[in-house]
Amino acid sequence: MDIILIIALLALFLLPSFFMMRKQRKQQEELRSFQQALNPGDRVISAGGIHLVLTDIGETTVTGELAHGVEVTMEKIAILRPADQVSPADNTSTANGAHHPENDERDR
């Protein structure tokens, strides 16, 4: 009876952590493959939230254009996702063409 209780407690604590580690490992592998597949011209977002159009890809660094004639170089591991991937927070901005009446007063 005691051995069954011990096994049940071990399973209760070890199985959830095992599944979480597996999910994190899968996400890390997807990110690594995305970073290895970067090409010049790709629109990406860095870990700091900087939107770039990539102009040059090195082995460990990327160079991207922030604005016309303004380029930055950063580590490839800082690139997190493509810029065309919309996050839920992006839906609240006016960039999607939504009209926000509270901005009418400010724009006058």
N, C-alpha and C. Protein backbone atom coordinates (compact mmCIF):
# COMPACT_ATOMS: atom_id res chain seq x y z
N MET A 1 0.82 -1.19 0.00
CA MET A 1 0.00 0.00 0.00
C MET A 1 0.86 1.26 0.00
N ASP A 2 1.92 1.26 0.80
CA ASP A 2 2.80 2.43 0.88
C ASP A 2 3.53 2.68 -0.44
N ILE A 3 3.91 1.62 -1.12
CA ILE A 3 4.63 1.76 -2.39
C ILE A 3 3.73 2.39 -3.45
N ILE A 4 2.44 2.05 -3.44
CA ILE A 4 1.49 2.62 -4.41
C ILE A 4 1.32 4.12 -4.14
N LEU A 5 1.26 4.50 -2.89
CA LEU A 5 1.13 5.91 -2.52
C LEU A 5 2.36 6.71 -2.95
N ILE A 6 3.53 6.14 -2.75
CA ILE A 6 4.77 6.80 -3.16
C ILE A 6 4.81 6.96 -4.67
N ILE A 7 4.45 5.93 -5.40
CA ILE A 7 4.44 6.01 -6.87
C ILE A 7 3.44 7.05 -7.35
N ALA A 8 2.27 7.07 -6.72
CA ALA A 8 1.25 8.05 -7.10
C ALA A 8 1.73 9.48 -6.84
N LEU A 9 2.37 9.71 -5.71
CA LEU A 9 2.89 11.05 -5.40
C LEU A 9 4.01 11.46 -6.36
N LEU A 10 4.88 10.53 -6.69
CA LEU A 10 5.94 10.83 -7.66
C LEU A 10 5.35 11.18 -9.02
N ALA A 11 4.36 10.40 -9.44
CA ALA A 11 3.72 10.67 -10.73
C ALA A 11 3.02 12.02 -10.70
N LEU A 12 2.40 12.36 -9.58
CA LEU A 12 1.70 13.63 -9.45
C LEU A 12 2.64 14.82 -9.62
N PHE A 13 3.87 14.70 -9.13
CA PHE A 13 4.82 15.81 -9.20
C PHE A 13 5.72 15.77 -10.44
N LEU A 14 6.04 14.60 -10.93
CA LEU A 14 6.98 14.49 -12.04
C LEU A 14 6.34 14.60 -13.41
N LEU A 15 5.16 14.05 -13.60
CA LEU A 15 4.54 14.08 -14.92
C LEU A 15 4.24 15.48 -15.42
N PRO A 16 3.65 16.38 -14.63
CA PRO A 16 3.41 17.74 -15.15
C PRO A 16 4.70 18.46 -15.55
N SER A 17 5.75 18.31 -14.75
CA SER A 17 7.00 18.98 -15.10
C SER A 17 7.61 18.37 -16.36
N PHE A 18 7.47 17.07 -16.54
CA PHE A 18 7.97 16.43 -17.76
C PHE A 18 7.27 16.98 -19.00
N PHE A 19 5.94 17.12 -18.93
CA PHE A 19 5.20 17.64 -20.08
C PHE A 19 5.50 19.10 -20.34
N MET A 20 5.73 19.89 -19.29
CA MET A 20 6.10 21.30 -19.48
C MET A 20 7.46 21.42 -20.13
N MET A 21 8.41 20.61 -19.71
CA MET A 21 9.74 20.65 -20.31
C MET A 21 9.68 20.25 -21.77
N ARG A 22 8.86 19.27 -22.08
CA ARG A 22 8.72 18.83 -23.48
C ARG A 22 8.15 19.94 -24.35
N LYS A 23 7.16 20.66 -23.84
CA LYS A 23 6.55 21.76 -24.59
C LYS A 23 7.56 22.89 -24.80
N GLN A 24 8.33 23.23 -23.76
CA GLN A 24 9.34 24.28 -23.89
C GLN A 24 10.42 23.89 -24.88
N ARG A 25 10.83 22.64 -24.85
CA ARG A 25 11.86 22.17 -25.78
C ARG A 25 11.36 22.28 -27.22
N LYS A 26 10.10 21.95 -27.44
CA LYS A 26 9.52 22.04 -28.78
C LYS A 26 9.48 23.50 -29.25
N GLN A 27 9.08 24.43 -28.35
CA GLN A 27 9.04 25.85 -28.70
C GLN A 27 10.44 26.37 -29.01
N GLN A 28 11.44 25.95 -28.24
CA GLN A 28 12.81 26.38 -28.49
C GLN A 28 13.31 25.88 -29.84
N GLU A 29 12.96 24.65 -30.18
CA GLU A 29 13.37 24.10 -31.47
C GLU A 29 12.70 24.83 -32.63
N GLU A 30 11.43 25.18 -32.48
CA GLU A 30 10.73 25.95 -33.52
C GLU A 30 11.37 27.32 -33.69
N LEU A 31 11.71 27.98 -32.59
CA LEU A 31 12.36 29.29 -32.66
C LEU A 31 13.73 29.17 -33.32
N ARG A 32 14.49 28.16 -32.96
CA ARG A 32 15.83 27.96 -33.54
C ARG A 32 15.72 27.72 -35.05
N SER A 33 14.76 26.92 -35.49
CA SER A 33 14.62 26.66 -36.92
C SER A 33 14.15 27.92 -37.65
N PHE A 34 13.28 28.73 -37.01
CA PHE A 34 12.87 30.01 -37.60
C PHE A 34 14.07 30.93 -37.78
N GLN A 35 14.91 31.02 -36.75
CA GLN A 35 16.08 31.90 -36.81
C GLN A 35 17.08 31.43 -37.86
N GLN A 36 17.21 30.14 -38.06
CA GLN A 36 18.13 29.62 -39.07
C GLN A 36 17.61 29.84 -40.48
N ALA A 37 16.29 29.99 -40.63
CA ALA A 37 15.69 30.14 -41.96
C ALA A 37 15.49 31.60 -42.36
N LEU A 38 16.04 32.54 -41.60
CA LEU A 38 15.87 33.96 -41.93
C LEU A 38 16.54 34.30 -43.25
N ASN A 39 15.91 35.19 -44.01
CA ASN A 39 16.44 35.63 -45.30
C ASN A 39 16.37 37.14 -45.39
N PRO A 40 17.27 37.76 -46.17
CA PRO A 40 17.16 39.20 -46.39
C PRO A 40 15.79 39.54 -46.97
N GLY A 41 15.20 40.63 -46.48
CA GLY A 41 13.88 41.04 -46.92
C GLY A 41 12.77 40.61 -45.97
N ASP A 42 13.07 39.69 -45.06
CA ASP A 42 12.07 39.25 -44.08
C ASP A 42 11.78 40.38 -43.10
N ARG A 43 10.50 40.55 -42.76
CA ARG A 43 10.08 41.51 -41.73
C ARG A 43 9.96 40.75 -40.43
N VAL A 44 10.72 41.19 -39.40
CA VAL A 44 10.77 40.46 -38.14
C VAL A 44 10.63 41.41 -36.96
N ILE A 45 10.40 40.82 -35.78
CA ILE A 45 10.34 41.57 -34.53
C ILE A 45 11.37 40.98 -33.59
N SER A 46 12.17 41.87 -32.97
CA SER A 46 13.21 41.42 -32.05
C SER A 46 12.66 41.25 -30.65
N ALA A 47 13.49 40.74 -29.75
CA ALA A 47 13.10 40.54 -28.36
C ALA A 47 12.76 41.87 -27.69
N GLY A 48 13.34 42.96 -28.15
CA GLY A 48 13.05 44.28 -27.60
C GLY A 48 11.85 44.95 -28.24
N GLY A 49 11.19 44.28 -29.16
CA GLY A 49 10.01 44.84 -29.82
C GLY A 49 10.34 45.69 -31.03
N ILE A 50 11.56 45.65 -31.49
CA ILE A 50 11.97 46.44 -32.65
C ILE A 50 11.57 45.72 -33.93
N HIS A 51 10.87 46.44 -34.82
CA HIS A 51 10.46 45.90 -36.11
C HIS A 51 11.55 46.21 -37.12
N LEU A 52 11.99 45.18 -37.85
CA LEU A 52 13.08 45.33 -38.81
C LEU A 52 12.74 44.67 -40.13
N VAL A 53 13.36 45.18 -41.18
CA VAL A 53 13.40 44.47 -42.45
C VAL A 53 14.85 44.03 -42.60
N LEU A 54 15.09 42.73 -42.61
CA LEU A 54 16.45 42.22 -42.63
C LEU A 54 17.14 42.54 -43.95
N THR A 55 18.39 42.99 -43.85
CA THR A 55 19.17 43.30 -45.04
C THR A 55 20.37 42.38 -45.21
N ASP A 56 20.89 41.84 -44.09
CA ASP A 56 22.05 40.96 -44.16
C ASP A 56 21.96 39.94 -43.04
N ILE A 57 22.28 38.69 -43.35
CA ILE A 57 22.23 37.61 -42.37
C ILE A 57 23.62 37.02 -42.24
N GLY A 58 24.18 37.08 -41.03
CA GLY A 58 25.46 36.45 -40.76
C GLY A 58 25.24 35.13 -40.05
N GLU A 59 26.34 34.53 -39.59
CA GLU A 59 26.21 33.26 -38.89
C GLU A 59 25.54 33.45 -37.53
N THR A 60 25.92 34.51 -36.81
CA THR A 60 25.33 34.74 -35.48
C THR A 60 24.66 36.11 -35.37
N THR A 61 24.79 36.96 -36.38
CA THR A 61 24.20 38.30 -36.33
C THR A 61 23.31 38.55 -37.54
N VAL A 62 22.42 39.53 -37.39
CA VAL A 62 21.60 39.99 -38.50
C VAL A 62 21.68 41.51 -38.54
N THR A 63 21.55 42.06 -39.72
CA THR A 63 21.47 43.50 -39.90
C THR A 63 20.10 43.79 -40.49
N GLY A 64 19.44 44.77 -39.90
CA GLY A 64 18.10 45.10 -40.35
C GLY A 64 17.91 46.59 -40.45
N GLU A 65 16.99 46.98 -41.32
CA GLU A 65 16.69 48.39 -41.54
C GLU A 65 15.47 48.78 -40.71
N LEU A 66 15.67 49.80 -39.86
CA LEU A 66 14.58 50.34 -39.04
C LEU A 66 13.75 51.33 -39.83
N ALA A 67 14.43 52.21 -40.52
CA ALA A 67 13.83 53.23 -41.37
C ALA A 67 14.76 53.40 -42.56
N HIS A 68 14.33 54.17 -43.53
CA HIS A 68 15.16 54.35 -44.72
C HIS A 68 16.54 54.89 -44.31
N GLY A 69 17.58 54.10 -44.58
CA GLY A 69 18.94 54.52 -44.29
C GLY A 69 19.39 54.29 -42.85
N VAL A 70 18.55 53.73 -42.00
CA VAL A 70 18.91 53.48 -40.61
C VAL A 70 18.97 51.97 -40.40
N GLU A 71 20.19 51.46 -40.21
CA GLU A 71 20.37 50.02 -40.03
C GLU A 71 20.97 49.72 -38.67
N VAL A 72 20.58 48.59 -38.11
CA VAL A 72 21.13 48.11 -36.85
C VAL A 72 21.58 46.67 -37.03
N THR A 73 22.58 46.30 -36.24
CA THR A 73 23.05 44.92 -36.23
C THR A 73 22.79 44.35 -34.85
N MET A 74 22.25 43.16 -34.80
CA MET A 74 21.96 42.51 -33.52
C MET A 74 22.20 41.02 -33.64
N GLU A 75 22.23 40.37 -32.48
CA GLU A 75 22.40 38.92 -32.45
C GLU A 75 21.18 38.23 -33.07
N LYS A 76 21.42 37.16 -33.76
CA LYS A 76 20.33 36.42 -34.40
C LYS A 76 19.35 35.87 -33.37
N ILE A 77 19.84 35.53 -32.18
CA ILE A 77 18.96 34.97 -31.16
C ILE A 77 17.97 36.01 -30.62
N ALA A 78 18.16 37.29 -30.94
CA ALA A 78 17.23 38.34 -30.50
C ALA A 78 16.00 38.41 -31.39
N ILE A 79 16.01 37.75 -32.54
CA ILE A 79 14.86 37.75 -33.43
C ILE A 79 13.87 36.69 -32.95
N LEU A 80 12.64 37.13 -32.59
CA LEU A 80 11.69 36.21 -31.98
C LEU A 80 10.59 35.72 -32.91
N ARG A 81 10.12 36.59 -33.82
CA ARG A 81 8.99 36.17 -34.64
C ARG A 81 8.89 37.03 -35.88
N PRO A 82 8.16 36.55 -36.88
CA PRO A 82 7.93 37.38 -38.07
C PRO A 82 7.00 38.54 -37.73
N ALA A 83 7.18 39.67 -38.39
CA ALA A 83 6.39 40.87 -38.09
C ALA A 83 4.96 40.74 -38.56
N ASP A 84 4.67 39.88 -39.50
CA ASP A 84 3.29 39.74 -39.97
C ASP A 84 2.45 38.87 -39.06
N GLN A 85 3.06 38.29 -38.04
CA GLN A 85 2.31 37.50 -37.05
C GLN A 85 1.70 38.47 -36.05
N VAL A 86 0.38 38.52 -35.97
CA VAL A 86 -0.33 39.49 -35.13
C VAL A 86 -0.55 38.90 -33.75
N SER A 87 -0.18 39.66 -32.72
CA SER A 87 -0.44 39.23 -31.35
C SER A 87 -1.73 39.88 -30.87
N PRO A 88 -2.39 39.37 -29.83
CA PRO A 88 -3.63 39.96 -29.34
C PRO A 88 -3.47 41.42 -28.94
N ALA A 89 -2.31 41.83 -28.45
CA ALA A 89 -2.09 43.22 -28.06
C ALA A 89 -2.11 44.15 -29.27
N ASP A 90 -1.72 43.63 -30.44
CA ASP A 90 -1.70 44.46 -31.65
C ASP A 90 -3.10 44.82 -32.12
N ASN A 91 -4.10 44.05 -31.75
CA ASN A 91 -5.47 44.30 -32.22
C ASN A 91 -6.08 45.56 -31.62
N THR A 92 -5.49 46.11 -30.57
CA THR A 92 -6.05 47.29 -29.92
C THR A 92 -5.52 48.59 -30.51
N SER A 93 -4.56 48.52 -31.39
CA SER A 93 -3.98 49.73 -31.96
C SER A 93 -4.82 50.24 -33.13
N THR A 94 -4.54 51.47 -33.55
CA THR A 94 -5.25 52.04 -34.69
C THR A 94 -4.61 51.62 -36.00
N ALA A 95 -3.53 50.85 -35.94
CA ALA A 95 -2.85 50.41 -37.15
C ALA A 95 -3.75 49.50 -38.00
N ASN A 96 -4.74 48.88 -37.41
CA ASN A 96 -5.60 47.98 -38.16
C ASN A 96 -6.76 48.72 -38.82
N GLY A 97 -6.76 50.05 -38.77
CA GLY A 97 -7.78 50.83 -39.45
C GLY A 97 -9.00 51.12 -38.61
N ALA A 98 -9.00 50.73 -37.35
CA ALA A 98 -10.16 50.98 -36.49
C ALA A 98 -10.23 52.45 -36.12
N HIS A 99 -11.45 52.95 -36.01
CA HIS A 99 -11.66 54.34 -35.63
C HIS A 99 -11.86 54.41 -34.12
N HIS A 100 -11.10 55.28 -33.46
CA HIS A 100 -11.23 55.47 -32.03
C HIS A 100 -11.67 56.91 -31.77
N PRO A 101 -12.93 57.11 -31.35
CA PRO A 101 -13.47 58.45 -31.14
C PRO A 101 -12.67 59.28 -30.14
N GLU A 102 -12.04 58.65 -29.15
CA GLU A 102 -11.31 59.43 -28.18
C GLU A 102 -10.09 60.14 -28.78
N ASN A 103 -9.69 59.74 -29.98
CA ASN A 103 -8.57 60.39 -30.64
C ASN A 103 -9.02 61.64 -31.42
N ASP A 104 -10.31 61.81 -31.66
CA ASP A 104 -10.81 62.94 -32.43
C ASP A 104 -10.45 64.28 -31.76
N GLU A 105 -10.61 64.37 -30.46
CA GLU A 105 -10.30 65.62 -29.73
C GLU A 105 -8.83 65.96 -29.86
N ARG A 106 -7.98 64.97 -29.73
CA ARG A 106 -6.54 65.19 -29.77
C ARG A 106 -6.07 65.60 -31.16
N ASP A 107 -6.71 65.12 -32.20
CA ASP A 107 -6.28 65.38 -33.57
C ASP A 107 -6.69 66.76 -34.08
N ARG A 108 -7.52 67.49 -33.37
CA ARG A 108 -7.99 68.80 -33.85
C ARG A 108 -6.99 69.88 -33.65
